């Protein structure tokens, strides 16, 4: 899977057979705010989870803290406690 960081539209995106999978973001003070997840209908949840994991790996490479503001992304952090180290201090999910 290839992820494109579209900095003009402030979104990570990848093409699937069902359509375009988009994760919108905002960067402020070394924090990556994940604001909106737009998966195409009938897309496998495992594929979406792999996409989120790749985005989080990108954030880790850039040494950014991650703030999930979308409910689906907050649920991902609850299900995967391994990624809680990417949360900034004081954020509990």
Protein backbone atom coordinates (compact mmCIF):
# COMPACT_ATOMS: atom_id res chain seq x y z
CA UNK A 1 0.00 0.00 0.00
CA UNK A 2 1.34 3.40 -0.96
CA UNK A 3 0.36 6.43 1.12
CA UNK A 4 0.56 9.93 -0.32
CA UNK A 5 0.89 12.94 1.98
CA UNK A 6 -1.08 15.60 0.11
CA UNK A 7 0.20 18.65 1.98
CA UNK A 8 -1.86 21.07 -0.10
CA UNK A 9 -5.15 19.46 1.00
CA UNK A 10 -3.66 18.39 4.37
CA UNK A 11 -4.58 14.74 4.03
CA UNK A 12 -3.02 11.32 3.77
CA UNK A 13 -4.54 9.31 0.96
CA UNK A 14 -4.30 5.96 -0.75
CA UNK A 15 -6.18 4.45 -3.66
CA UNK A 16 -8.17 1.24 -3.18
CA UNK A 17 -10.36 -0.83 -5.46
CA UNK A 18 -13.43 0.76 -3.80
CA UNK A 19 -12.17 4.33 -4.10
CA UNK A 20 -9.99 6.87 -2.33
CA UNK A 21 -9.25 6.42 1.39
CA UNK A 22 -8.55 9.79 3.04
CA UNK A 23 -7.35 10.82 6.50
CA UNK A 24 -7.43 14.59 7.01
CA UNK A 25 -5.00 16.23 9.42
CA UNK A 26 -3.71 19.49 10.83
CA UNK A 27 -0.22 20.13 12.21
CA UNK A 28 0.25 22.58 15.08
CA UNK A 29 3.24 22.86 17.43
CA UNK A 30 4.76 19.45 16.64
CA UNK A 31 1.35 17.78 17.05
CA UNK A 32 -0.51 15.95 14.31
CA UNK A 33 -4.27 16.37 14.77
CA UNK A 34 -6.10 13.58 12.92
CA UNK A 35 -9.42 15.25 12.20
CA UNK A 36 -11.42 13.18 9.72
CA UNK A 37 -11.37 9.67 8.28
CA UNK A 38 -13.21 9.10 5.00
CA UNK A 39 -13.13 5.42 4.01
CA UNK A 40 -15.09 4.29 0.96
CA UNK A 41 -18.14 2.14 1.61
CA UNK A 42 -17.63 -1.66 1.74
CA UNK A 43 -13.94 -1.26 2.59
CA UNK A 44 -12.41 -3.90 4.86
CA UNK A 45 -11.72 -2.59 8.38
CA UNK A 46 -8.34 -4.38 8.44
CA UNK A 47 -7.27 -2.36 5.40
CA UNK A 48 -8.32 0.87 7.16
CA UNK A 49 -6.41 -0.19 10.31
CA UNK A 50 -3.28 -0.90 8.23
CA UNK A 51 -3.63 2.53 6.63
CA UNK A 52 -3.86 4.19 10.06
CA UNK A 53 -0.81 2.22 11.25
CA UNK A 54 1.21 3.46 8.27
CA UNK A 55 0.13 7.05 8.95
CA UNK A 56 1.18 6.67 12.60
CA UNK A 57 4.54 5.27 11.48
CA UNK A 58 4.98 8.39 9.34
CA UNK A 59 4.16 10.59 12.35
CA UNK A 60 6.67 8.68 14.45
CA UNK A 61 9.37 9.17 11.79
CA UNK A 62 8.69 12.92 11.81
CA UNK A 63 8.76 12.91 15.63
CA UNK A 64 5.23 14.27 15.92
CA UNK A 65 2.78 13.62 18.72
CA UNK A 66 -0.66 12.47 17.55
CA UNK A 67 -4.02 13.83 18.72
CA UNK A 68 -6.96 11.78 17.37
CA UNK A 69 -10.06 14.00 17.21
CA UNK A 70 -12.22 11.68 15.09
CA UNK A 71 -14.17 9.01 17.05
CA UNK A 72 -13.02 6.13 14.82
CA UNK A 73 -9.40 7.13 15.36
CA UNK A 74 -9.87 7.38 19.13
CA UNK A 75 -11.37 3.87 19.04
CA UNK A 76 -8.29 2.68 17.13
CA UNK A 77 -6.06 4.00 19.93
CA UNK A 78 -8.21 2.25 22.54
CA UNK A 79 -7.94 -1.07 20.68
CA UNK A 80 -4.19 -0.71 20.06
CA UNK A 81 -2.46 0.45 23.26
CA UNK A 82 0.93 0.10 21.55
CA UNK A 83 0.36 3.48 19.88
CA UNK A 84 -0.48 5.36 23.10
CA UNK A 85 3.15 6.47 23.34
CA UNK A 86 2.43 8.75 20.37
CA UNK A 87 -0.17 10.68 22.37
CA UNK A 88 0.99 13.97 23.89
CA UNK A 89 1.19 14.27 27.69
CA UNK A 90 -2.21 14.79 29.32
CA UNK A 91 -4.25 13.12 26.55
CA UNK A 92 -6.00 9.97 27.75
CA UNK A 93 -8.19 7.85 25.53
